[in-house]
Amino acid sequence: MVVARGELWWGESPDEKGRPFLVISRDAANAVRQRVLVAPVTTRIRSVPSELPVGEAEGLPLPSVASFDNLRPFPKSLLVRRLGAVAPDRRHLLCAVAAATFDC
């Protein structure tokens, strides 16, 4: 399966309810690894620097955020449907939110 940085995917894990995830890991790793680094997407918006706003423009039905405070590896095999992607002119925000999350 091919996934790319900045894409939003629906993920289904046997241990939890399905939800959207934003792929954060770099494309070179995504091509060869079985797990990718993702930020879970939630409609609970806290308006903190560690959240990346996403919504209809990215293929989601409601205003949401990708929570970089909850980054985790996720098996590519459990990403079942591509929902959309962060627009190329907004991709720089992935690095900005990551920097804010890690305070660097």
PDB file of N, CA and C in Angstrom:
ATOM      1  N   MET A   1       0.842  -1.179   0.000  1.00  0.00           N
ATOM      2  CA  MET A   1       0.000   0.000   0.000  1.00  0.00           C
ATOM      3  C   MET A   1       0.891   1.247   0.000  1.00  0.00           C
ATOM      4  N   VAL A   2       0.502   2.223  -0.781  1.00  0.00           N
ATOM      5  CA  VAL A   2       1.246   3.476  -0.862  1.00  0.00           C
ATOM      6  C   VAL A   2       0.472   4.556  -0.119  1.00  0.00           C
ATOM      7  N   VAL A   3       1.113   5.138   0.879  1.00  0.00           N
ATOM      8  CA  VAL A   3       0.551   6.290   1.577  1.00  0.00           C
ATOM      9  C   VAL A   3       1.582   7.398   1.525  1.00  0.00           C
ATOM     10  N   ALA A   4       1.126   8.625   1.581  1.00  0.00           N
ATOM     11  CA  ALA A   4       2.035   9.764   1.464  1.00  0.00           C
ATOM     12  C   ALA A   4       1.846  10.726   2.628  1.00  0.00           C
ATOM     13  N   ARG A   5       2.918  11.413   2.935  1.00  0.00           N
ATOM     14  CA  ARG A   5       2.883  12.438   3.979  1.00  0.00           C
ATOM     15  C   ARG A   5       1.835  13.487   3.616  1.00  0.00           C
ATOM     16  N   GLY A   6       1.035  13.854   4.609  1.00  0.00           N
ATOM     17  CA  GLY A   6       0.010  14.861   4.398  1.00  0.00           C
ATOM     18  C   GLY A   6      -1.345  14.302   3.992  1.00  0.00           C
ATOM     19  N   GLU A   7      -1.420  12.983   3.753  1.00  0.00           N
ATOM     20  CA  GLU A   7      -2.701  12.380   3.396  1.00  0.00           C
ATOM     21  C   GLU A   7      -3.511  12.046   4.649  1.00  0.00           C
ATOM     22  N   LEU A   8      -4.815  12.110   4.505  1.00  0.00           N
ATOM     23  CA  LEU A   8      -5.729  11.675   5.568  1.00  0.00           C
ATOM     24  C   LEU A   8      -6.331  10.344   5.167  1.00  0.00           C
ATOM     25  N   TRP A   9      -6.297   9.402   6.101  1.00  0.00           N
ATOM     26  CA  TRP A   9      -6.797   8.054   5.868  1.00  0.00           C
ATOM     27  C   TRP A   9      -7.737   7.652   6.988  1.00  0.00           C
ATOM     28  N   TRP A  10      -8.733   6.830   6.639  1.00  0.00           N
ATOM     29  CA  TRP A  10      -9.575   6.201   7.642  1.00  0.00           C
ATOM     30  C   TRP A  10      -8.840   4.960   8.120  1.00  0.00           C
ATOM     31  N   GLY A  11      -8.630   4.860   9.445  1.00  0.00           N
ATOM     32  CA  GLY A  11      -7.950   3.706  10.017  1.00  0.00           C
ATOM     33  C   GLY A  11      -8.875   2.918  10.917  1.00  0.00           C
ATOM     34  N   GLU A  12      -8.768   1.604  10.838  1.00  0.00           N
ATOM     35  CA  GLU A  12      -9.577   0.727  11.678  1.00  0.00           C
ATOM     36  C   GLU A  12      -8.674  -0.246  12.409  1.00  0.00           C
ATOM     37  N   SER A  13      -8.657  -0.111  13.713  1.00  0.00           N
ATOM     38  CA  SER A  13      -7.866  -0.975  14.577  1.00  0.00           C
ATOM     39  C   SER A  13      -8.813  -1.918  15.307  1.00  0.00           C
ATOM     40  N   PRO A  14      -8.401  -3.163  15.539  1.00  0.00           N
ATOM     41  CA  PRO A  14      -9.283  -4.083  16.264  1.00  0.00           C
ATOM     42  C   PRO A  14      -9.534  -3.658  17.706  1.00  0.00           C
ATOM     43  N   ASP A  15      -8.683  -2.795  18.231  1.00  0.00           N
ATOM     44  CA  ASP A  15      -8.775  -2.392  19.641  1.00  0.00           C
ATOM     45  C   ASP A  15      -9.553  -1.113  19.888  1.00  0.00           C
ATOM     46  N   GLU A  16      -9.933  -0.408  18.831  1.00  0.00           N
ATOM     47  CA  GLU A  16     -10.626   0.863  19.015  1.00  0.00           C
ATOM     48  C   GLU A  16     -11.535   1.167  17.831  1.00  0.00           C
ATOM     49  N   LYS A  17     -12.380   2.157  18.031  1.00  0.00           N
ATOM     50  CA  LYS A  17     -13.297   2.611  16.982  1.00  0.00           C
ATOM     51  C   LYS A  17     -12.506   3.239  15.835  1.00  0.00           C
ATOM     52  N   GLY A  18     -12.985   3.046  14.599  1.00  0.00           N
ATOM     53  CA  GLY A  18     -12.324   3.641  13.446  1.00  0.00           C
ATOM     54  C   GLY A  18     -12.318   5.155  13.520  1.00  0.00           C
ATOM     55  N   ARG A  19     -11.295   5.765  12.903  1.00  0.00           N
ATOM     56  CA  ARG A  19     -11.175   7.222  12.917  1.00  0.00           C
ATOM     57  C   ARG A  19     -10.226   7.660  11.807  1.00  0.00           C
ATOM     58  N   PRO A  20     -10.245   8.944  11.475  1.00  0.00           N
ATOM     59  CA  PRO A  20      -9.288   9.456  10.498  1.00  0.00           C
ATOM     60  C   PRO A  20      -7.917   9.696  11.142  1.00  0.00           C
ATOM     61  N   PHE A  21      -6.894   9.537  10.315  1.00  0.00           N
ATOM     62  CA  PHE A  21      -5.516   9.792  10.728  1.00  0.00           C
ATOM     63  C   PHE A  21      -4.823  10.614   9.646  1.00  0.00           C
ATOM     64  N   LEU A  22      -3.928  11.488  10.083  1.00  0.00           N
ATOM     65  CA  LEU A  22      -3.085  12.262   9.175  1.00  0.00           C
ATOM     66  C   LEU A  22      -1.703  11.621   9.163  1.00  0.00           C
ATOM     67  N   VAL A  23      -1.212  11.250   7.990  1.00  0.00           N
ATOM     68  CA  VAL A  23       0.115  10.643   7.868  1.00  0.00           C
ATOM     69  C   VAL A  23       1.166  11.740   8.002  1.00  0.00           C
ATOM     70  N   ILE A  24       2.088  11.534   8.942  1.00  0.00           N
ATOM     71  CA  ILE A  24       3.119  12.521   9.247  1.00  0.00           C
ATOM     72  C   ILE A  24       4.505  12.079   8.766  1.00  0.00           C
ATOM     73  N   SER A  25       4.760  10.777   8.764  1.00  0.00           N
ATOM     74  CA  SER A  25       6.093  10.274   8.445  1.00  0.00           C
ATOM     75  C   SER A  25       6.486  10.601   7.006  1.00  0.00           C
ATOM     76  N   ARG A  26       7.785  10.635   6.786  1.00  0.00           N
ATOM     77  CA  ARG A  26       8.325  11.034   5.477  1.00  0.00           C
ATOM     78  C   ARG A  26       8.072   9.939   4.444  1.00  0.00           C
ATOM     79  N   ASP A  27       7.926  10.353   3.196  1.00  0.00           N
ATOM     80  CA  ASP A  27       7.555   9.436   2.125  1.00  0.00           C
ATOM     81  C   ASP A  27       8.582   8.317   1.910  1.00  0.00           C
ATOM     82  N   ALA A  28       9.872   8.612   2.096  1.00  0.00           N
ATOM     83  CA  ALA A  28      10.886   7.569   1.917  1.00  0.00           C
ATOM     84  C   ALA A  28      10.658   6.428   2.911  1.00  0.00           C
ATOM     85  N   ALA A  29      10.273   6.763   4.133  1.00  0.00           N
ATOM     86  CA  ALA A  29       9.976   5.735   5.138  1.00  0.00           C
ATOM     87  C   ALA A  29       8.638   5.067   4.846  1.00  0.00           C
ATOM     88  N   ASN A  30       7.659   5.838   4.417  1.00  0.00           N
ATOM     89  CA  ASN A  30       6.327   5.291   4.136  1.00  0.00           C
ATOM     90  C   ASN A  30       6.380   4.202   3.063  1.00  0.00           C
ATOM     91  N   ALA A  31       7.308   4.336   2.127  1.00  0.00           N
ATOM     92  CA  ALA A  31       7.405   3.387   1.025  1.00  0.00           C
ATOM     93  C   ALA A  31       7.908   2.013   1.468  1.00  0.00           C
ATOM     94  N   VAL A  32       8.683   1.958   2.549  1.00  0.00           N
ATOM     95  CA  VAL A  32       9.318   0.692   2.925  1.00  0.00           C
ATOM     96  C   VAL A  32       8.902   0.152   4.290  1.00  0.00           C
ATOM     97  N   ARG A  33       8.298   0.969   5.104  1.00  0.00           N
ATOM     98  CA  ARG A  33       7.919   0.536   6.457  1.00  0.00           C
ATOM     99  C   ARG A  33       6.509  -0.049   6.471  1.00  0.00           C
ATOM    100  N   GLN A  34       6.260  -0.950   7.421  1.00  0.00           N
ATOM    101  CA  GLN A  34       4.923  -1.520   7.578  1.00  0.00           C
ATOM    102  C   GLN A  34       4.033  -0.621   8.432  1.00  0.00           C
ATOM    103  N   ARG A  35       4.659   0.239   9.233  1.00  0.00           N
ATOM    104  CA  ARG A  35       3.922   1.187  10.055  1.00  0.00           C
ATOM    105  C   ARG A  35       4.319   2.606   9.644  1.00  0.00           C
ATOM    106  N   VAL A  36       3.364   3.515   9.732  1.00  0.00           N
ATOM    107  CA  VAL A  36       3.630   4.922   9.437  1.00  0.00           C
ATOM    108  C   VAL A  36       3.296   5.739  10.677  1.00  0.00           C
ATOM    109  N   LEU A  37       3.927   6.891  10.801  1.00  0.00           N
ATOM    110  CA  LEU A  37       3.638   7.784  11.918  1.00  0.00           C
ATOM    111  C   LEU A  37       2.414   8.616  11.561  1.00  0.00           C
ATOM    112  N   VAL A  38       1.414   8.586  12.441  1.00  0.00           N
ATOM    113  CA  VAL A  38       0.165   9.295  12.181  1.00  0.00           C
ATOM    114  C   VAL A  38      -0.214  10.184  13.360  1.00  0.00           C
ATOM    115  N   ALA A  39      -1.013  11.191  13.043  1.00  0.00           N
ATOM    116  CA  ALA A  39      -1.654  12.025  14.062  1.00  0.00           C
ATOM    117  C   ALA A  39      -3.145  11.720  13.989  1.00  0.00           C
ATOM    118  N   PRO A  40      -3.747  11.283  15.104  1.00  0.00           N
ATOM    119  CA  PRO A  40      -5.187  11.044  15.074  1.00  0.00           C
ATOM    120  C   PRO A  40      -5.950  12.348  14.868  1.00  0.00           C
ATOM    121  N   VAL A  41      -7.056  12.251  14.164  1.00  0.00           N
ATOM    122  CA  VAL A  41      -7.893  13.412  13.878  1.00  0.00           C
ATOM    123  C   VAL A  41      -9.120  13.367  14.781  1.00  0.00           C
ATOM    124  N   THR A  42      -9.460  14.512  15.343  1.00  0.00           N
ATOM    125  CA  THR A  42     -10.593  14.609  16.254  1.00  0.00           C
ATOM    126  C   THR A  42     -11.387  15.884  15.982  1.00  0.00           C
ATOM    127  N   THR A  43     -12.659  15.859  16.348  1.00  0.00           N
ATOM    128  CA  THR A  43     -13.484  17.064  16.236  1.00  0.00           C
ATOM    129  C   THR A  43     -13.393  17.895  17.521  1.00  0.00           C
ATOM    130  N   ARG A  44     -12.694  17.391  18.525  1.00  0.00           N
ATOM    131  CA  ARG A  44     -12.503  18.151  19.776  1.00  0.00           C
ATOM    132  C   ARG A  44     -11.349  19.131  19.566  1.00  0.00           C
ATOM    133  N   ILE A  45     -11.696  20.341  19.242  1.00  0.00           N
ATOM    134  CA  ILE A  45     -10.709  21.375  18.909  1.00  0.00           C
ATOM    135  C   ILE A  45     -10.373  22.166  20.163  1.00  0.00           C
ATOM    136  N   ARG A  46      -9.091  22.129  20.549  1.00  0.00           N
ATOM    137  CA  ARG A  46      -8.637  22.839  21.745  1.00  0.00           C
ATOM    138  C   ARG A  46      -7.933  24.149  21.397  1.00  0.00           C
ATOM    139  N   SER A  47      -7.655  24.355  20.124  1.00  0.00           N
ATOM    140  CA  SER A  47      -6.962  25.567  19.646  1.00  0.00           C
ATOM    141  C   SER A  47      -5.612  25.751  20.320  1.00  0.00           C
ATOM    142  N   VAL A  48      -4.817  24.692  20.328  1.00  0.00           N
ATOM    143  CA  VAL A  48      -3.462  24.741  20.863  1.00  0.00           C
ATOM    144  C   VAL A  48      -2.470  24.591  19.706  1.00  0.00           C
ATOM    145  N   PRO A  49      -1.227  25.028  19.877  1.00  0.00           N
ATOM    146  CA  PRO A  49      -0.257  24.990  18.786  1.00  0.00           C
ATOM    147  C   PRO A  49       0.072  23.588  18.266  1.00  0.00           C
ATOM    148  N   SER A  50      -0.237  22.561  19.038  1.00  0.00           N
ATOM    149  CA  SER A  50       0.071  21.187  18.622  1.00  0.00           C
ATOM    150  C   SER A  50      -1.056  20.541  17.811  1.00  0.00           C
ATOM    151  N   GLU A  51      -2.004  21.346  17.357  1.00  0.00           N
ATOM    152  CA  GLU A  51      -3.099  20.839  16.523  1.00  0.00           C
ATOM    153  C   GLU A  51      -3.036  21.482  15.138  1.00  0.00           C
ATOM    154  N   LEU A  52      -3.251  20.661  14.114  1.00  0.00           N
ATOM    155  CA  LEU A  52      -3.331  21.156  12.747  1.00  0.00           C
ATOM    156  C   LEU A  52      -4.791  21.127  12.313  1.00  0.00           C
ATOM    157  N   PRO A  53      -5.389  22.287  12.053  1.00  0.00           N
ATOM    158  CA  PRO A  53      -6.787  22.305  11.608  1.00  0.00           C
ATOM    159  C   PRO A  53      -6.939  21.615  10.245  1.00  0.00           C
ATOM    160  N   VAL A  54      -7.957  20.764  10.145  1.00  0.00           N
ATOM    161  CA  VAL A  54      -8.308  20.089   8.900  1.00  0.00           C
ATOM    162  C   VAL A  54      -9.839  20.064   8.815  1.00  0.00           C
ATOM    163  N   GLY A  55     -10.344  19.877   7.618  1.00  0.00           N
ATOM    164  CA  GLY A  55     -11.799  19.880   7.463  1.00  0.00           C
ATOM    165  C   GLY A  55     -12.221  19.501   6.067  1.00  0.00           C
ATOM    166  N   GLU A  56     -13.239  20.184   5.553  1.00  0.00           N
ATOM    167  CA  GLU A  56     -13.808  19.848   4.247  1.00  0.00           C
ATOM    168  C   GLU A  56     -12.780  19.898   3.119  1.00  0.00           C
ATOM    169  N   ALA A  57     -11.887  20.874   3.164  1.00  0.00           N
ATOM    170  CA  ALA A  57     -10.879  21.000   2.102  1.00  0.00           C
ATOM    171  C   ALA A  57      -9.958  19.784   2.044  1.00  0.00           C
ATOM    172  N   GLU A  58      -9.839  19.075   3.167  1.00  0.00           N
ATOM    173  CA  GLU A  58      -8.985  17.889   3.238  1.00  0.00           C
ATOM    174  C   GLU A  58      -9.782  16.585   3.132  1.00  0.00           C
ATOM    175  N   GLY A  59     -11.084  16.688   2.865  1.00  0.00           N
ATOM    176  CA  GLY A  59     -11.897  15.504   2.675  1.00  0.00           C
ATOM    177  C   GLY A  59     -12.667  15.033   3.892  1.00  0.00           C
ATOM    178  N   LEU A  60     -12.762  15.873   4.915  1.00  0.00           N
ATOM    179  CA  LEU A  60     -13.489  15.501   6.134  1.00  0.00           C
ATOM    180  C   LEU A  60     -14.841  16.202   6.182  1.00  0.00           C
ATOM    181  N   PRO A  61     -15.845  15.582   6.797  1.00  0.00           N
ATOM    182  CA  PRO A  61     -17.175  16.192   6.823  1.00  0.00           C
ATOM    183  C   PRO A  61     -17.331  17.329   7.826  1.00  0.00           C
ATOM    184  N   LEU A  62     -16.486  17.367   8.848  1.00  0.00           N
ATOM    185  CA  LEU A  62     -16.609  18.367   9.919  1.00  0.00           C
ATOM    186  C   LEU A  62     -15.278  19.046  10.198  1.00  0.00           C
ATOM    187  N   PRO A  63     -15.299  20.287  10.713  1.00  0.00           N
ATOM    188  CA  PRO A  63     -14.055  20.915  11.158  1.00  0.00           C
ATOM    189  C   PRO A  63     -13.417  20.042  12.239  1.00  0.00           C
ATOM    190  N   SER A  64     -12.134  19.795  12.075  1.00  0.00           N
ATOM    191  CA  SER A  64     -11.411  18.883  12.963  1.00  0.00           C
ATOM    192  C   SER A  64      -9.983  19.362  13.123  1.00  0.00           C
ATOM    193  N   VAL A  65      -9.214  18.620  13.905  1.00  0.00           N
ATOM    194  CA  VAL A  65      -7.779  18.873  14.048  1.00  0.00           C
ATOM    195  C   VAL A  65      -7.045  17.543  14.076  1.00  0.00           C
ATOM    196  N   ALA A  66      -5.812  17.564  13.572  1.00  0.00           N
ATOM    197  CA  ALA A  66      -4.897  16.439  13.731  1.00  0.00           C
ATOM    198  C   ALA A  66      -4.080  16.743  14.981  1.00  0.00           C
ATOM    199  N   SER A  67      -4.133  15.847  15.944  1.00  0.00           N
ATOM    200  CA  SER A  67      -3.476  16.065  17.230  1.00  0.00           C
ATOM    201  C   SER A  67      -2.051  15.524  17.222  1.00  0.00           C
ATOM    202  N   PHE A  68      -1.087  16.428  17.150  1.00  0.00           N
ATOM    203  CA  PHE A  68       0.313  16.032  17.172  1.00  0.00           C
ATOM    204  C   PHE A  68       0.758  15.647  18.587  1.00  0.00           C
ATOM    205  N   ASP A  69      -0.044  15.937  19.594  1.00  0.00           N
ATOM    206  CA  ASP A  69       0.258  15.494  20.955  1.00  0.00           C
ATOM    207  C   ASP A  69       0.058  13.992  21.103  1.00  0.00           C
ATOM    208  N   ASN A  70      -0.608  13.377  20.133  1.00  0.00           N
ATOM    209  CA  ASN A  70      -0.921  11.949  20.207  1.00  0.00           C
ATOM    210  C   ASN A  70      -0.362  11.168  19.029  1.00  0.00           C
ATOM    211  N   LEU A  71       0.796  11.585  18.518  1.00  0.00           N
ATOM    212  CA  LEU A  71       1.429  10.879  17.407  1.00  0.00           C
ATOM    213  C   LEU A  71       1.686   9.435  17.794  1.00  0.00           C
ATOM    214  N   ARG A  72       1.541   8.536  16.794  1.00  0.00           N
ATOM    215  CA  ARG A  72       1.813   7.126  17.071  1.00  0.00           C
ATOM    216  C   ARG A  72       2.067   6.376  15.773  1.00  0.00           C
ATOM    217  N   PRO A  73       2.802   5.271  15.865  1.00  0.00           N
ATOM    218  CA  PRO A  73       2.946   4.427  14.675  1.00  0.00           C
ATOM    219  C   PRO A  73       1.651   3.654  14.456  1.00  0.00           C
ATOM    220  N   PHE A  74       1.301   3.466  13.202  1.00  0.00           N
ATOM    221  CA  PHE A  74       0.050   2.774  12.874  1.00  0.00           C
ATOM    222  C   PHE A  74       0.304   1.875  11.671  1.00  0.00           C
ATOM    223  N   PRO A  75      -0.160   0.631  11.714  1.00  0.00           N
ATOM    224  CA  PRO A  75       0.065  -0.276  10.579  1.00  0.00           C
ATOM    225  C   PRO A  75      -0.616   0.222   9.306  1.00  0.00           C
ATOM    226  N   LYS A  76       0.137   0.248   8.215  1.00  0.00           N
ATOM    227  CA  LYS A  76      -0.453   0.660   6.939  1.00  0.00           C
ATOM    228  C   LYS A  76      -1.610  -0.248   6.547  1.00  0.00           C
ATOM    229  N   SER A  77      -1.532  -1.513   6.929  1.00  0.00           N
ATOM    230  CA  SER A  77      -2.579  -2.466   6.561  1.00  0.00           C
ATOM    231  C   SER A  77      -3.925  -2.132   7.198  1.00  0.00           C
ATOM    232  N   LEU A  78      -3.932  -1.296   8.246  1.00  0.00           N
ATOM    233  CA  LEU A  78      -5.176  -0.908   8.910  1.00  0.00           C
ATOM    234  C   LEU A  78      -5.715   0.436   8.414  1.00  0.00           C
ATOM    235  N   LEU A  79      -4.993   1.060   7.485  1.00  0.00           N
ATOM    236  CA  LEU A  79      -5.491   2.269   6.828  1.00  0.00           C
ATOM    237  C   LEU A  79      -6.330   1.784   5.645  1.00  0.00           C
ATOM    238  N   VAL A  80      -7.632   1.940   5.738  1.00  0.00           N
ATOM    239  CA  VAL A  80      -8.518   1.270   4.789  1.00  0.00           C
ATOM    240  C   VAL A  80      -9.045   2.149   3.655  1.00  0.00           C
ATOM    241  N   ARG A  81      -9.052   3.470   3.843  1.00  0.00           N
ATOM    242  CA  ARG A  81      -9.616   4.342   2.812  1.00  0.00           C
ATOM    243  C   ARG A  81      -8.985   5.724   2.864  1.00  0.00           C
ATOM    244  N   ARG A  82      -8.486   6.189   1.734  1.00  0.00           N
ATOM    245  CA  ARG A  82      -7.929   7.542   1.660  1.00  0.00           C
ATOM    246  C   ARG A  82      -9.088   8.531   1.641  1.00  0.00           C
ATOM    247  N   LEU A  83      -9.007   9.518   2.527  1.00  0.00           N
ATOM    248  CA  LEU A  83     -10.074  10.523   2.641  1.00  0.00           C
ATOM    249  C   LEU A  83      -9.755  11.802   1.883  1.00  0.00           C
ATOM    250  N   GLY A  84      -8.484  12.142   1.826  1.00  0.00           N
ATOM    251  CA  GLY A  84      -8.070  13.386   1.195  1.00  0.00           C
ATOM    252  C   GLY A  84      -6.646  13.698   1.598  1.00  0.00           C
ATOM    253  N   ALA A  85      -6.276  14.974   1.487  1.00  0.00           N
ATOM    254  CA  ALA A  85      -4.903  15.369   1.798  1.00  0.00           C
ATOM    255  C   ALA A  85      -4.837  16.855   2.124  1.00  0.00           C
ATOM    256  N   VAL A  86      -3.809  17.208   2.854  1.00  0.00           N
ATOM    257  CA  VAL A  86      -3.502  18.615   3.125  1.00  0.00           C
ATOM    258  C   VAL A  86      -2.965  19.203   1.816  1.00  0.00           C
ATOM    259  N   ALA A  87      -3.472  20.343   1.419  1.00  0.00           N
ATOM    260  CA  ALA A  87      -3.060  20.979   0.164  1.00  0.00           C
ATOM    261  C   ALA A  87      -1.563  21.282   0.182  1.00  0.00           C
ATOM    262  N   PRO A  88      -0.913  21.186  -0.972  1.00  0.00           N
ATOM    263  CA  PRO A  88       0.527  21.448  -1.034  1.00  0.00           C
ATOM    264  C   PRO A  88       0.940  22.787  -0.430  1.00  0.00           C
ATOM    265  N   ASP A  89       0.112  23.825  -0.590  1.00  0.00           N
ATOM    266  CA  ASP A  89       0.475  25.132  -0.039  1.00  0.00           C
ATOM    267  C   ASP A  89       0.303  25.208   1.479  1.00  0.00           C
ATOM    268  N   ARG A  90      -0.222  24.142   2.101  1.00  0.00           N
ATOM    269  CA  ARG A  90      -0.364  24.074   3.570  1.00  0.00           C
ATOM    270  C   ARG A  90       0.560  23.030   4.187  1.00  0.00           C
ATOM    271  N   ARG A  91       1.306  22.292   3.371  1.00  0.00           N
ATOM    272  CA  ARG A  91       2.140  21.196   3.890  1.00  0.00           C
ATOM    273  C   ARG A  91       3.219  21.691   4.850  1.00  0.00           C
ATOM    274  N   HIS A  92       3.676  22.919   4.665  1.00  0.00           N
ATOM    275  CA  HIS A  92       4.687  23.464   5.572  1.00  0.00           C
ATOM    276  C   HIS A  92       4.171  23.509   7.013  1.00  0.00           C
ATOM    277  N   LEU A  93       2.849  23.524   7.177  1.00  0.00           N
ATOM    278  CA  LEU A  93       2.260  23.576   8.510  1.00  0.00           C
ATOM    279  C   LEU A  93       2.523  22.292   9.298  1.00  0.00           C
ATOM    280  N   LEU A  94       2.729  21.169   8.614  1.00  0.00           N
ATOM    281  CA  LEU A  94       3.060  19.930   9.315  1.00  0.00           C
ATOM    282  C   LEU A  94       4.339  20.122  10.127  1.00  0.00           C
ATOM    283  N   CYS A  95       5.333  20.743   9.528  1.00  0.00           N
ATOM    284  CA  CYS A  95       6.597  20.989  10.235  1.00  0.00           C
ATOM    285  C   CYS A  95       6.421  22.036  11.328  1.00  0.00           C
ATOM    286  N   ALA A  96       5.633  23.057  11.069  1.00  0.00           N
ATOM    287  CA  ALA A  96       5.418  24.110  12.061  1.00  0.00           C
ATOM    288  C   ALA A  96       4.696  23.552  13.300  1.00  0.00           C
ATOM    289  N   VAL A  97       3.685  22.727  13.095  1.00  0.00           N
ATOM    290  CA  VAL A  97       2.963  22.132  14.215  1.00  0.00           C
ATOM    291  C   VAL A  97       3.852  21.127  14.940  1.00  0.00           C
ATOM    292  N   ALA A  98       4.653  20.363  14.199  1.00  0.00           N
ATOM    293  CA  ALA A  98       5.586  19.425  14.850  1.00  0.00           C
ATOM    294  C   ALA A  98       6.582  20.198  15.718  1.00  0.00           C
ATOM    295  N   ALA A  99       7.104  21.303  15.227  1.00  0.00           N
ATOM    296  CA  ALA A  99       8.048  22.106  15.999  1.00  0.00           C
ATOM    297  C   ALA A  99       7.402  22.653  17.259  1.00  0.00           C
ATOM    298  N   ALA A 100       6.152  23.100  17.154  1.00  0.00           N
ATOM    299  CA  ALA A 100       5.437  23.606  18.324  1.00  0.00           C
ATOM    300  C   ALA A 100       5.181  22.475  19.324  1.00  0.00           C
ATOM    301  N   THR A 101       4.871  21.292  18.821  1.00  0.00           N
ATOM    302  CA  THR A 101       4.594  20.149  19.690  1.00  0.00           C
ATOM    303  C   THR A 101       5.826  19.772  20.490  1.00  0.00           C
ATOM    304  N   PHE A 102       6.987  19.771  19.838  1.00  0.00           N
ATOM    305  CA  PHE A 102       8.235  19.361  20.490  1.00  0.00           C
ATOM    306  C   PHE A 102       8.972  20.527  21.125  1.00  0.00           C
ATOM    307  N   ASP A 103       8.384  21.726  21.039  1.00  0.00           N
ATOM    308  CA  ASP A 103       8.981  22.925  21.626  1.00  0.00           C
ATOM    309  C   ASP A 103      10.423  23.125  21.142  1.00  0.00           C
ATOM    310  N   CYS A 104      10.588  23.070  19.805  1.00  0.00           N
ATOM    311  CA  CYS A 104      11.934  23.261  19.258  1.00  0.00           C
ATOM    312  C   CYS A 104      11.916  24.239  18.097  1.00  0.00           C
TER     313      CYS A 104
END
